[in-house]
Amino acid sequence: MKNKKPTKEKEIEFVKPTTQQLREALKREQRKDEYKKTFGKTIGILVAVAAFSVLISSFFIRVCKISGDSMYPTLETGQIVIAVKTDKFEPGQLVAFYYNNKVLIKRVIGSPGDWINIDAEGNVTVNGVVLDEPYLTEKSLEPTDIEFPYQVPESRYFVLGDNRSVSIDSRKDEVGCISKEQLIGHVLFRIYPFDNFGIITNN
């Protein structure tokens, strides 16, 4: 056998980078580091905001979507409102409360111990004083199955919907007066639709 002629190994050629190339490579690495830092900060901020939102929602506010016409024209189906948690409730305020595993929104009419009367025309009196209710489009006694005058029990609140002929509220035994334990908060803000964004007034 003939001896194979040894192949000549290729010489490794070292290319010395220019100063400009080094600068560009350094800038690329710096941009990568900055991107990683910015991305990490953004994720951290988003996590913090999400945690804060959950915390706020759990302890201070409740977001509610309106379903039904019982509070028309003050609130309409599809609108989204915020109830701020509180332990003080006054007549005229809109409140959110638990009822049969649902959240309902009505207007406080009477406080514990108040005497409520509603006549055949739907005029409401509290402790003998006729209420001025500019938020109503019509008045109605029905639907009801309780006798008037009616005294609000201790630690409970008498509530009515603004759409009186449709609303099922404290006029019906099935709902009755609302206990403090049922109450979630005072409905203060409308956040959707955006053209109606703002504070919800009591009148």
N, C-alpha and C. Protein backbone atom coordinates (compact mmCIF):
# COMPACT_ATOMS: atom_id res chain seq x y z
N MET A 1 0.84 -1.20 0.00
CA MET A 1 0.00 0.00 0.00
C MET A 1 0.87 1.24 0.00
N LYS A 2 0.39 2.18 -0.79
CA LYS A 2 1.13 3.43 -0.84
C LYS A 2 0.81 4.26 0.38
N ASN A 3 1.82 4.84 0.89
CA ASN A 3 1.60 5.74 2.03
C ASN A 3 0.89 7.00 1.57
N LYS A 4 -0.19 7.31 2.35
CA LYS A 4 -0.92 8.54 2.02
C LYS A 4 -0.10 9.74 2.39
N LYS A 5 -0.17 10.67 1.50
CA LYS A 5 0.54 11.92 1.76
C LYS A 5 -0.20 12.69 2.83
N PRO A 6 0.47 13.01 3.88
CA PRO A 6 -0.22 13.73 4.96
C PRO A 6 -0.76 15.06 4.46
N THR A 7 -2.03 15.26 4.89
CA THR A 7 -2.67 16.53 4.48
C THR A 7 -2.17 17.65 5.36
N LYS A 8 -2.08 18.77 4.73
CA LYS A 8 -1.59 19.94 5.45
C LYS A 8 -2.75 20.61 6.18
N GLU A 9 -2.63 20.72 7.48
CA GLU A 9 -3.68 21.36 8.26
C GLU A 9 -3.76 22.83 7.92
N LYS A 10 -5.03 23.28 7.86
CA LYS A 10 -5.25 24.69 7.59
C LYS A 10 -4.88 25.51 8.81
N GLU A 11 -4.25 26.56 8.54
CA GLU A 11 -3.89 27.44 9.65
C GLU A 11 -5.10 28.25 10.09
N ILE A 12 -5.27 28.36 11.39
CA ILE A 12 -6.37 29.16 11.94
C ILE A 12 -6.00 30.62 11.86
N GLU A 13 -6.91 31.34 11.24
CA GLU A 13 -6.64 32.76 11.06
C GLU A 13 -7.40 33.56 12.11
N PHE A 14 -6.71 34.28 12.91
CA PHE A 14 -7.32 35.12 13.93
C PHE A 14 -7.54 36.50 13.36
N VAL A 15 -8.83 36.91 13.45
CA VAL A 15 -9.17 38.24 12.95
C VAL A 15 -9.33 39.16 14.14
N LYS A 16 -8.62 40.18 14.16
CA LYS A 16 -8.69 41.14 15.26
C LYS A 16 -9.82 42.12 15.00
N PRO A 17 -10.84 42.14 15.91
CA PRO A 17 -11.96 43.06 15.70
C PRO A 17 -11.51 44.51 15.83
N THR A 18 -12.20 45.32 15.10
CA THR A 18 -11.88 46.75 15.18
C THR A 18 -12.51 47.34 16.44
N THR A 19 -12.03 48.51 16.78
CA THR A 19 -12.59 49.20 17.95
C THR A 19 -14.08 49.46 17.77
N GLN A 20 -14.49 49.81 16.56
CA GLN A 20 -15.90 50.08 16.27
C GLN A 20 -16.76 48.84 16.48
N GLN A 21 -16.23 47.69 16.02
CA GLN A 21 -16.96 46.44 16.19
C GLN A 21 -17.12 46.08 17.66
N LEU A 22 -16.06 46.32 18.43
CA LEU A 22 -16.14 46.06 19.86
C LEU A 22 -17.19 46.94 20.53
N ARG A 23 -17.20 48.21 20.12
CA ARG A 23 -18.17 49.13 20.70
C ARG A 23 -19.61 48.70 20.38
N GLU A 24 -19.83 48.28 19.13
CA GLU A 24 -21.17 47.85 18.72
C GLU A 24 -21.60 46.59 19.47
N ALA A 25 -20.66 45.66 19.64
CA ALA A 25 -20.97 44.43 20.38
C ALA A 25 -21.31 44.75 21.83
N LEU A 26 -20.56 45.68 22.41
CA LEU A 26 -20.80 46.09 23.80
C LEU A 26 -22.17 46.74 23.93
N LYS A 27 -22.52 47.58 22.95
CA LYS A 27 -23.83 48.24 22.98
C LYS A 27 -24.96 47.22 22.88
N ARG A 28 -24.76 46.19 22.02
CA ARG A 28 -25.79 45.15 21.89
C ARG A 28 -26.01 44.43 23.21
N GLU A 29 -24.92 44.10 23.89
CA GLU A 29 -25.03 43.42 25.18
C GLU A 29 -25.70 44.32 26.22
N GLN A 30 -25.36 45.61 26.16
CA GLN A 30 -25.97 46.54 27.11
C GLN A 30 -27.47 46.66 26.86
N ARG A 31 -27.85 46.67 25.56
CA ARG A 31 -29.28 46.76 25.23
C ARG A 31 -30.02 45.52 25.72
N LYS A 32 -29.37 44.35 25.57
CA LYS A 32 -29.98 43.11 26.06
C LYS A 32 -30.20 43.17 27.56
N ASP A 33 -29.18 43.65 28.28
CA ASP A 33 -29.29 43.76 29.74
C ASP A 33 -30.40 44.73 30.13
N GLU A 34 -30.45 45.87 29.41
CA GLU A 34 -31.48 46.87 29.71
C GLU A 34 -32.88 46.31 29.44
N TYR A 35 -33.02 45.55 28.35
CA TYR A 35 -34.31 44.95 28.01
C TYR A 35 -34.74 43.97 29.10
N LYS A 36 -33.78 43.14 29.54
CA LYS A 36 -34.09 42.17 30.59
C LYS A 36 -34.52 42.87 31.87
N LYS A 37 -33.79 43.93 32.22
CA LYS A 37 -34.13 44.67 33.44
C LYS A 37 -35.51 45.33 33.31
N THR A 38 -35.76 45.97 32.14
CA THR A 38 -37.05 46.63 31.92
C THR A 38 -38.19 45.62 31.93
N PHE A 39 -37.98 44.48 31.27
CA PHE A 39 -39.00 43.43 31.23
C PHE A 39 -39.29 42.91 32.63
N GLY A 40 -38.22 42.70 33.40
CA GLY A 40 -38.39 42.23 34.77
C GLY A 40 -39.15 43.23 35.63
N LYS A 41 -38.81 44.52 35.47
CA LYS A 41 -39.50 45.56 36.23
C LYS A 41 -40.97 45.63 35.85
N THR A 42 -41.24 45.52 34.53
CA THR A 42 -42.62 45.58 34.05
C THR A 42 -43.45 44.45 34.62
N ILE A 43 -42.89 43.23 34.59
CA ILE A 43 -43.59 42.08 35.16
C ILE A 43 -43.84 42.29 36.65
N GLY A 44 -42.82 42.80 37.32
CA GLY A 44 -42.95 43.06 38.76
C GLY A 44 -44.05 44.07 39.06
N ILE A 45 -44.10 45.14 38.25
CA ILE A 45 -45.13 46.17 38.43
C ILE A 45 -46.52 45.59 38.17
N LEU A 46 -46.65 44.80 37.10
CA LEU A 46 -47.94 44.20 36.77
C LEU A 46 -48.42 43.27 37.88
N VAL A 47 -47.52 42.48 38.41
CA VAL A 47 -47.87 41.58 39.51
C VAL A 47 -48.31 42.37 40.73
N ALA A 48 -47.56 43.45 41.02
CA ALA A 48 -47.90 44.29 42.18
C ALA A 48 -49.25 44.96 42.00
N VAL A 49 -49.51 45.46 40.78
CA VAL A 49 -50.80 46.11 40.51
C VAL A 49 -51.94 45.11 40.63
N ALA A 50 -51.73 43.90 40.09
CA ALA A 50 -52.76 42.87 40.17
C ALA A 50 -53.05 42.50 41.62
N ALA A 51 -51.98 42.34 42.40
CA ALA A 51 -52.14 41.99 43.81
C ALA A 51 -52.85 43.11 44.57
N PHE A 52 -52.46 44.35 44.25
CA PHE A 52 -53.09 45.51 44.91
C PHE A 52 -54.57 45.59 44.53
N SER A 53 -54.89 45.31 43.26
CA SER A 53 -56.28 45.36 42.81
C SER A 53 -57.13 44.32 43.53
N VAL A 54 -56.57 43.12 43.67
CA VAL A 54 -57.28 42.07 44.40
C VAL A 54 -57.49 42.47 45.85
N LEU A 55 -56.44 43.04 46.44
CA LEU A 55 -56.53 43.48 47.84
C LEU A 55 -57.59 44.56 48.00
N ILE A 56 -57.56 45.56 47.11
CA ILE A 56 -58.54 46.64 47.16
C ILE A 56 -59.95 46.09 46.97
N SER A 57 -60.09 45.19 45.98
CA SER A 57 -61.40 44.62 45.69
C SER A 57 -61.93 43.81 46.86
N SER A 58 -61.02 43.11 47.55
CA SER A 58 -61.44 42.26 48.66
C SER A 58 -61.86 43.06 49.88
N PHE A 59 -61.19 44.17 50.13
CA PHE A 59 -61.41 44.88 51.38
C PHE A 59 -62.13 46.22 51.24
N PHE A 60 -62.08 46.85 50.09
CA PHE A 60 -62.59 48.22 50.01
C PHE A 60 -63.68 48.43 48.97
N ILE A 61 -63.65 47.74 47.86
CA ILE A 61 -64.64 47.99 46.82
C ILE A 61 -65.20 46.69 46.25
N ARG A 62 -66.33 46.83 45.58
CA ARG A 62 -66.91 45.70 44.86
C ARG A 62 -67.40 46.21 43.51
N VAL A 63 -66.97 45.56 42.45
CA VAL A 63 -67.40 45.93 41.10
C VAL A 63 -68.65 45.14 40.76
N CYS A 64 -69.70 45.82 40.31
CA CYS A 64 -70.98 45.17 40.02
C CYS A 64 -71.46 45.53 38.61
N LYS A 65 -71.95 44.55 37.90
CA LYS A 65 -72.55 44.78 36.59
C LYS A 65 -74.07 44.74 36.73
N ILE A 66 -74.74 45.77 36.21
CA ILE A 66 -76.18 45.87 36.35
C ILE A 66 -76.87 44.90 35.40
N SER A 67 -77.81 44.13 35.95
CA SER A 67 -78.61 43.21 35.15
C SER A 67 -80.07 43.39 35.54
N GLY A 68 -80.89 43.84 34.62
CA GLY A 68 -82.29 44.08 34.92
C GLY A 68 -82.62 45.57 34.98
N ASP A 69 -83.91 45.85 35.12
CA ASP A 69 -84.40 47.23 35.04
C ASP A 69 -84.93 47.77 36.36
N SER A 70 -84.65 47.11 37.47
CA SER A 70 -85.25 47.52 38.74
C SER A 70 -84.76 48.88 39.23
N MET A 71 -83.59 49.34 38.74
CA MET A 71 -83.07 50.64 39.17
C MET A 71 -83.15 51.69 38.07
N TYR A 72 -83.88 51.39 37.00
CA TYR A 72 -84.05 52.36 35.91
C TYR A 72 -84.86 53.55 36.42
N PRO A 73 -84.55 54.80 36.04
CA PRO A 73 -83.54 55.22 35.05
C PRO A 73 -82.17 55.53 35.63
N THR A 74 -82.01 55.38 36.96
CA THR A 74 -80.72 55.72 37.58
C THR A 74 -79.61 54.82 37.05
N LEU A 75 -79.89 53.52 37.00
CA LEU A 75 -78.93 52.54 36.49
C LEU A 75 -79.61 51.69 35.43
N GLU A 76 -78.85 51.33 34.39
CA GLU A 76 -79.42 50.56 33.30
C GLU A 76 -78.63 49.27 33.08
N THR A 77 -79.30 48.29 32.49
CA THR A 77 -78.68 47.00 32.20
C THR A 77 -77.38 47.17 31.41
N GLY A 78 -76.35 46.46 31.85
CA GLY A 78 -75.05 46.52 31.17
C GLY A 78 -74.08 47.50 31.77
N GLN A 79 -74.57 48.45 32.55
CA GLN A 79 -73.66 49.41 33.19
C GLN A 79 -72.86 48.72 34.29
N ILE A 80 -71.66 49.24 34.54
CA ILE A 80 -70.79 48.69 35.58
C ILE A 80 -70.54 49.77 36.62
N VAL A 81 -70.75 49.41 37.89
CA VAL A 81 -70.62 50.38 38.97
C VAL A 81 -69.69 49.83 40.05
N ILE A 82 -69.24 50.73 40.92
CA ILE A 82 -68.38 50.35 42.04
C ILE A 82 -69.08 50.68 43.34
N ALA A 83 -69.13 49.68 44.22
CA ALA A 83 -69.66 49.88 45.57
C ALA A 83 -68.49 49.97 46.54
N VAL A 84 -68.46 51.04 47.31
CA VAL A 84 -67.40 51.25 48.29
C VAL A 84 -67.87 50.71 49.64
N LYS A 85 -67.07 49.84 50.22
CA LYS A 85 -67.46 49.20 51.47
C LYS A 85 -67.47 50.21 52.62
N THR A 86 -68.54 50.15 53.41
CA THR A 86 -68.71 51.04 54.54
C THR A 86 -69.65 50.38 55.54
N ASP A 87 -69.69 50.89 56.75
CA ASP A 87 -70.64 50.37 57.74
C ASP A 87 -71.68 51.42 58.11
N LYS A 88 -71.71 52.53 57.34
CA LYS A 88 -72.68 53.58 57.59
C LYS A 88 -73.55 53.78 56.34
N PHE A 89 -74.85 53.63 56.53
CA PHE A 89 -75.79 53.74 55.42
C PHE A 89 -76.89 54.73 55.77
N GLU A 90 -77.22 55.59 54.81
CA GLU A 90 -78.21 56.63 55.05
C GLU A 90 -79.31 56.59 53.99
N PRO A 91 -80.51 57.04 54.35
CA PRO A 91 -81.61 57.10 53.37
C PRO A 91 -81.21 57.91 52.14
N GLY A 92 -81.60 57.41 50.98
CA GLY A 92 -81.27 58.06 49.71
C GLY A 92 -80.08 57.43 49.02
N GLN A 93 -79.23 56.75 49.76
CA GLN A 93 -78.04 56.13 49.17
C GLN A 93 -78.40 54.88 48.36
N LEU A 94 -77.63 54.65 47.31
CA LEU A 94 -77.72 53.38 46.59
C LEU A 94 -76.79 52.40 47.27
N VAL A 95 -77.28 51.18 47.51
CA VAL A 95 -76.46 50.19 48.19
C VAL A 95 -76.48 48.87 47.43
N ALA A 96 -75.37 48.15 47.54
CA ALA A 96 -75.28 46.79 47.01
C ALA A 96 -75.36 45.83 48.19
N PHE A 97 -76.08 44.73 48.01
CA PHE A 97 -76.22 43.76 49.10
C PHE A 97 -76.40 42.35 48.54
N TYR A 98 -76.11 41.38 49.39
CA TYR A 98 -76.26 39.98 49.00
C TYR A 98 -77.71 39.53 49.20
N TYR A 99 -78.20 38.78 48.22
CA TYR A 99 -79.53 38.18 48.34
C TYR A 99 -79.57 36.92 47.48
N ASN A 100 -79.78 35.77 48.13
CA ASN A 100 -79.85 34.49 47.42
C ASN A 100 -78.65 34.27 46.49
N ASN A 101 -77.46 34.46 47.03
CA ASN A 101 -76.21 34.25 46.29
C ASN A 101 -76.05 35.19 45.09
N LYS A 102 -76.79 36.27 45.10
CA LYS A 102 -76.65 37.30 44.06
C LYS A 102 -76.36 38.63 44.73
N VAL A 103 -75.91 39.59 43.93
CA VAL A 103 -75.72 40.95 44.43
C VAL A 103 -76.80 41.84 43.81
N LEU A 104 -77.59 42.48 44.65
CA LEU A 104 -78.64 43.39 44.19
C LEU A 104 -78.27 44.82 44.56
N ILE A 105 -78.83 45.76 43.81
CA ILE A 105 -78.63 47.18 44.11
C ILE A 105 -79.99 47.85 44.25
N LYS A 106 -80.20 48.52 45.36
CA LYS A 106 -81.45 49.25 45.62
C LYS A 106 -81.11 50.57 46.32
N ARG A 107 -82.16 51.32 46.63
CA ARG A 107 -81.99 52.60 47.31
C ARG A 107 -82.50 52.49 48.75
N VAL A 108 -81.70 52.97 49.70
CA VAL A 108 -82.13 52.97 51.10
C VAL A 108 -83.24 54.01 51.28
N ILE A 109 -84.35 53.56 51.85
CA ILE A 109 -85.48 54.45 52.11
C ILE A 109 -85.66 54.68 53.61
N GLY A 110 -85.50 53.61 54.38
CA GLY A 110 -85.69 53.72 55.82
C GLY A 110 -84.59 53.06 56.61
N SER A 111 -84.25 53.66 57.75
CA SER A 111 -83.24 53.13 58.67
C SER A 111 -83.92 52.36 59.80
N PRO A 112 -83.14 51.65 60.63
CA PRO A 112 -83.72 50.90 61.74
C PRO A 112 -84.64 51.78 62.61
N GLY A 113 -85.86 51.26 62.86
CA GLY A 113 -86.82 51.98 63.70
C GLY A 113 -87.73 52.93 62.97
N ASP A 114 -87.44 53.27 61.71
CA ASP A 114 -88.28 54.20 60.95
C ASP A 114 -89.63 53.57 60.62
N TRP A 115 -90.64 54.44 60.53
CA TRP A 115 -91.97 54.03 60.07
C TRP A 115 -92.12 54.40 58.60
N ILE A 116 -92.42 53.40 57.77
CA ILE A 116 -92.57 53.60 56.33
C ILE A 116 -94.03 53.44 55.93
N ASN A 117 -94.51 54.34 55.09
CA ASN A 117 -95.85 54.19 54.54
C ASN A 117 -95.81 54.50 53.04
N ILE A 118 -96.55 53.71 52.27
CA ILE A 118 -96.69 53.95 50.83
C ILE A 118 -98.18 53.93 50.51
N ASP A 119 -98.69 55.03 49.96
CA ASP A 119 -100.13 55.08 49.69
C ASP A 119 -100.44 54.46 48.33
N ALA A 120 -101.72 54.48 47.97
CA ALA A 120 -102.17 53.82 46.75
C ALA A 120 -101.55 54.43 45.50
N GLU A 121 -101.16 55.71 45.56
CA GLU A 121 -100.53 56.37 44.41
C GLU A 121 -99.02 56.16 44.37
N GLY A 122 -98.49 55.49 45.40
CA GLY A 122 -97.06 55.23 45.42
C GLY A 122 -96.23 56.27 46.13
N ASN A 123 -96.88 57.25 46.77
CA ASN A 123 -96.15 58.25 47.55
C ASN A 123 -95.59 57.62 48.81
N VAL A 124 -94.31 57.87 49.07
CA VAL A 124 -93.63 57.26 50.22
C VAL A 124 -93.45 58.30 51.32
N THR A 125 -93.81 57.90 52.54
CA THR A 125 -93.55 58.76 53.70
C THR A 125 -92.69 57.99 54.69
N VAL A 126 -91.78 58.72 55.32
CA VAL A 126 -90.91 58.14 56.35
C VAL A 126 -91.09 58.97 57.61
N ASN A 127 -91.57 58.31 58.66
CA ASN A 127 -91.86 59.00 59.92
C ASN A 127 -92.78 60.20 59.71
N GLY A 128 -93.76 60.03 58.81
CA GLY A 128 -94.76 61.07 58.56
C GLY A 128 -94.35 62.13 57.56
N VAL A 129 -93.14 62.08 57.04
CA VAL A 129 -92.67 63.08 56.08
C VAL A 129 -92.65 62.48 54.67
N VAL A 130 -93.33 63.14 53.74
CA VAL A 130 -93.38 62.65 52.36
C VAL A 130 -92.02 62.85 51.70
N LEU A 131 -91.52 61.78 51.08
CA LEU A 131 -90.21 61.87 50.43
C LEU A 131 -90.32 62.58 49.08
N ASP A 132 -89.35 63.42 48.81
CA ASP A 132 -89.19 64.01 47.48
C ASP A 132 -88.26 63.08 46.71
N GLU A 133 -88.76 62.48 45.64
CA GLU A 133 -87.99 61.48 44.91
C GLU A 133 -87.85 61.87 43.43
N PRO A 134 -86.96 62.81 43.14
CA PRO A 134 -86.78 63.28 41.75
C PRO A 134 -86.19 62.22 40.82
N TYR A 135 -85.64 61.15 41.38
CA TYR A 135 -85.01 60.10 40.58
C TYR A 135 -86.04 59.14 39.98
N LEU A 136 -87.31 59.26 40.34
CA LEU A 136 -88.35 58.36 39.83
C LEU A 136 -88.96 58.91 38.55
N THR A 137 -89.33 57.99 37.64
CA THR A 137 -90.11 58.38 36.47
C THR A 137 -91.59 58.09 36.70
N GLU A 138 -91.87 57.17 37.62
CA GLU A 138 -93.25 56.88 38.01
C GLU A 138 -93.27 56.29 39.41
N LYS A 139 -94.40 56.46 40.09
CA LYS A 139 -94.55 55.92 41.45
C LYS A 139 -95.49 54.72 41.42
N SER A 140 -95.31 53.83 42.39
CA SER A 140 -96.17 52.64 42.43
C SER A 140 -96.12 52.01 43.82
N LEU A 141 -97.28 51.58 44.30
CA LEU A 141 -97.33 50.82 45.55
C LEU A 141 -96.92 49.37 45.31
N GLU A 142 -97.38 48.82 44.22
CA GLU A 142 -97.10 47.41 43.88
C GLU A 142 -95.73 47.28 43.22
N PRO A 143 -95.13 46.09 43.33
CA PRO A 143 -95.61 44.86 43.97
C PRO A 143 -95.33 44.85 45.48
N THR A 144 -96.32 44.45 46.27
CA THR A 144 -96.14 44.39 47.72
C THR A 144 -97.02 43.31 48.33
N ASP A 145 -96.57 42.73 49.41
CA ASP A 145 -97.41 41.80 50.18
C ASP A 145 -97.27 42.05 51.68
N ILE A 146 -96.81 43.26 52.06
CA ILE A 146 -96.72 43.62 53.47
C ILE A 146 -97.72 44.75 53.76
N GLU A 147 -98.04 44.92 55.02
CA GLU A 147 -99.00 45.95 55.42
C GLU A 147 -98.27 47.24 55.79
N PHE A 148 -98.83 48.34 55.35
CA PHE A 148 -98.31 49.66 55.72
C PHE A 148 -99.31 50.35 56.63
N PRO A 149 -98.85 51.22 57.55
CA PRO A 149 -97.44 51.58 57.80
C PRO A 149 -96.65 50.40 58.35
N TYR A 150 -95.35 50.46 58.09
CA TYR A 150 -94.44 49.35 58.43
C TYR A 150 -93.24 49.92 59.16
N GLN A 151 -92.89 49.29 60.30
CA GLN A 151 -91.71 49.75 61.04
C GLN A 151 -90.51 48.89 60.69
N VAL A 152 -89.41 49.55 60.36
CA VAL A 152 -88.17 48.86 60.01
C VAL A 152 -87.57 48.23 61.26
N PRO A 153 -87.29 46.91 61.23
CA PRO A 153 -86.71 46.25 62.41
C PRO A 153 -85.32 46.79 62.75
N GLU A 154 -84.88 46.51 63.96
CA GLU A 154 -83.54 46.92 64.39
C GLU A 154 -82.47 46.28 63.51
N SER A 155 -81.43 47.05 63.26
CA SER A 155 -80.26 46.59 62.49
C SER A 155 -80.61 46.20 61.05
N ARG A 156 -81.72 46.74 60.55
CA ARG A 156 -82.11 46.45 59.16
C ARG A 156 -82.47 47.74 58.44
N TYR A 157 -82.50 47.65 57.10
CA TYR A 157 -82.78 48.82 56.26
C TYR A 157 -83.87 48.48 55.24
N PHE A 158 -84.78 49.43 55.06
CA PHE A 158 -85.86 49.27 54.08
C PHE A 158 -85.36 49.85 52.76
N VAL A 159 -85.38 49.03 51.71
CA VAL A 159 -84.84 49.45 50.41
C VAL A 159 -85.89 49.30 49.31
N LEU A 160 -85.82 50.20 48.33
CA LEU A 160 -86.70 50.15 47.17
C LEU A 160 -85.88 50.35 45.90
N GLY A 161 -86.37 49.77 44.80
CA GLY A 161 -85.77 50.05 43.50
C GLY A 161 -86.38 51.32 42.93
N ASP A 162 -85.65 52.00 42.06
CA ASP A 162 -86.17 53.25 41.47
C ASP A 162 -87.26 52.99 40.44
N ASN A 163 -87.28 51.81 39.86
CA ASN A 163 -88.33 51.44 38.91
C ASN A 163 -89.40 50.70 39.71
N ARG A 164 -90.24 51.46 40.41
CA ARG A 164 -91.11 50.92 41.45
C ARG A 164 -92.07 49.84 40.98
N SER A 165 -92.60 49.95 39.78
CA SER A 165 -93.58 48.96 39.33
C SER A 165 -92.95 47.63 38.93
N VAL A 166 -91.63 47.60 38.82
CA VAL A 166 -90.90 46.40 38.40
C VAL A 166 -90.09 45.79 39.54
N SER A 167 -89.53 46.63 40.39
CA SER A 167 -88.57 46.19 41.40
C SER A 167 -89.19 45.27 42.46
N ILE A 168 -88.47 44.19 42.76
CA ILE A 168 -88.81 43.33 43.90
C ILE A 168 -87.87 43.74 45.02
N ASP A 169 -88.42 44.27 46.10
CA ASP A 169 -87.59 44.88 47.14
C ASP A 169 -88.20 44.67 48.52
N SER A 170 -88.00 45.61 49.44
CA SER A 170 -88.48 45.42 50.81
C SER A 170 -90.00 45.43 50.93
N ARG A 171 -90.71 45.75 49.86
CA ARG A 171 -92.17 45.65 49.87
C ARG A 171 -92.63 44.21 49.83
N LYS A 172 -91.72 43.31 49.49
CA LYS A 172 -92.06 41.89 49.40
C LYS A 172 -91.38 41.11 50.52
N ASP A 173 -92.14 40.20 51.13
CA ASP A 173 -91.60 39.38 52.22
C ASP A 173 -90.38 38.57 51.79
N GLU A 174 -90.36 38.16 50.53
CA GLU A 174 -89.26 37.30 50.08
C GLU A 174 -87.91 38.02 50.13
N VAL A 175 -87.92 39.35 50.04
CA VAL A 175 -86.69 40.14 50.17
C VAL A 175 -86.61 40.73 51.57
N GLY A 176 -87.68 41.43 51.96
CA GLY A 176 -87.72 42.02 53.29
C GLY A 176 -86.71 43.14 53.48
N CYS A 177 -86.53 43.52 54.73
CA CYS A 177 -85.53 44.54 55.04
C CYS A 177 -84.15 43.90 55.06
N ILE A 178 -83.15 44.69 54.73
CA ILE A 178 -81.79 44.18 54.54
C ILE A 178 -80.99 44.33 55.83
N SER A 179 -80.35 43.23 56.24
CA SER A 179 -79.53 43.27 57.45
C SER A 179 -78.16 43.88 57.15
N LYS A 180 -77.48 44.32 58.20
CA LYS A 180 -76.14 44.88 58.02
C LYS A 180 -75.18 43.84 57.46
N GLU A 181 -75.41 42.58 57.81
CA GLU A 181 -74.53 41.51 57.33
C GLU A 181 -74.67 41.32 55.81
N GLN A 182 -75.84 41.62 55.28
CA GLN A 182 -76.05 41.48 53.83
C GLN A 182 -75.43 42.63 53.03
N LEU A 183 -75.33 43.78 53.65
CA LEU A 183 -74.89 44.98 52.94
C LEU A 183 -73.41 44.91 52.56
N ILE A 184 -73.12 45.26 51.32
CA ILE A 184 -71.75 45.26 50.80
C ILE A 184 -71.15 46.65 50.86
N GLY A 185 -71.88 47.62 50.33
CA GLY A 185 -71.32 48.97 50.32
C GLY A 185 -72.23 49.97 49.63
N HIS A 186 -71.76 51.20 49.63
CA HIS A 186 -72.46 52.34 49.03
C HIS A 186 -72.06 52.44 47.56
N VAL A 187 -73.02 52.36 46.66
CA VAL A 187 -72.74 52.44 45.23
C VAL A 187 -72.47 53.90 44.87
N LEU A 188 -71.23 54.19 44.51
CA LEU A 188 -70.80 55.58 44.32
C LEU A 188 -70.40 55.95 42.90
N PHE A 189 -69.80 55.00 42.18
CA PHE A 189 -69.22 55.34 40.88
C PHE A 189 -69.77 54.46 39.76
N ARG A 190 -69.97 55.07 38.61
CA ARG A 190 -70.28 54.33 37.39
C ARG A 190 -69.03 54.38 36.52
N ILE A 191 -68.50 53.21 36.16
CA ILE A 191 -67.27 53.17 35.37
C ILE A 191 -67.50 52.73 33.93
N TYR A 192 -68.70 52.28 33.63
CA TYR A 192 -69.04 51.90 32.25
C TYR A 192 -70.54 52.04 32.05
N PRO A 193 -70.99 52.58 30.89
CA PRO A 193 -70.20 53.00 29.73
C PRO A 193 -69.39 54.26 30.01
N PHE A 194 -68.33 54.44 29.23
CA PHE A 194 -67.38 55.52 29.51
C PHE A 194 -68.00 56.91 29.37
N ASP A 195 -69.03 57.04 28.52
CA ASP A 195 -69.64 58.36 28.38
C ASP A 195 -70.50 58.73 29.58
N ASN A 196 -70.75 57.76 30.47
CA ASN A 196 -71.48 58.03 31.71
C ASN A 196 -70.58 57.84 32.93
N PHE A 197 -69.28 57.83 32.70
CA PHE A 197 -68.32 57.62 33.79
C PHE A 197 -68.42 58.75 34.81
N GLY A 198 -68.44 58.38 36.09
CA GLY A 198 -68.44 59.42 37.12
C GLY A 198 -69.19 59.02 38.37
N ILE A 199 -69.33 59.99 39.26
CA ILE A 199 -70.01 59.78 40.54
C ILE A 199 -71.51 59.66 40.31
N ILE A 200 -72.14 58.71 41.02
CA ILE A 200 -73.59 58.56 40.97
C ILE A 200 -74.19 59.35 42.12
N THR A 201 -74.96 60.36 41.80
CA THR A 201 -75.55 61.19 42.85
C THR A 201 -76.79 60.50 43.43
N ASN A 202 -77.13 60.85 44.65
CA ASN A 202 -78.28 60.23 45.31
C ASN A 202 -79.62 60.78 44.81
N ASN A 203 -79.58 61.83 44.01
CA ASN A 203 -80.84 62.38 43.50
C ASN A 203 -80.81 62.49 41.98
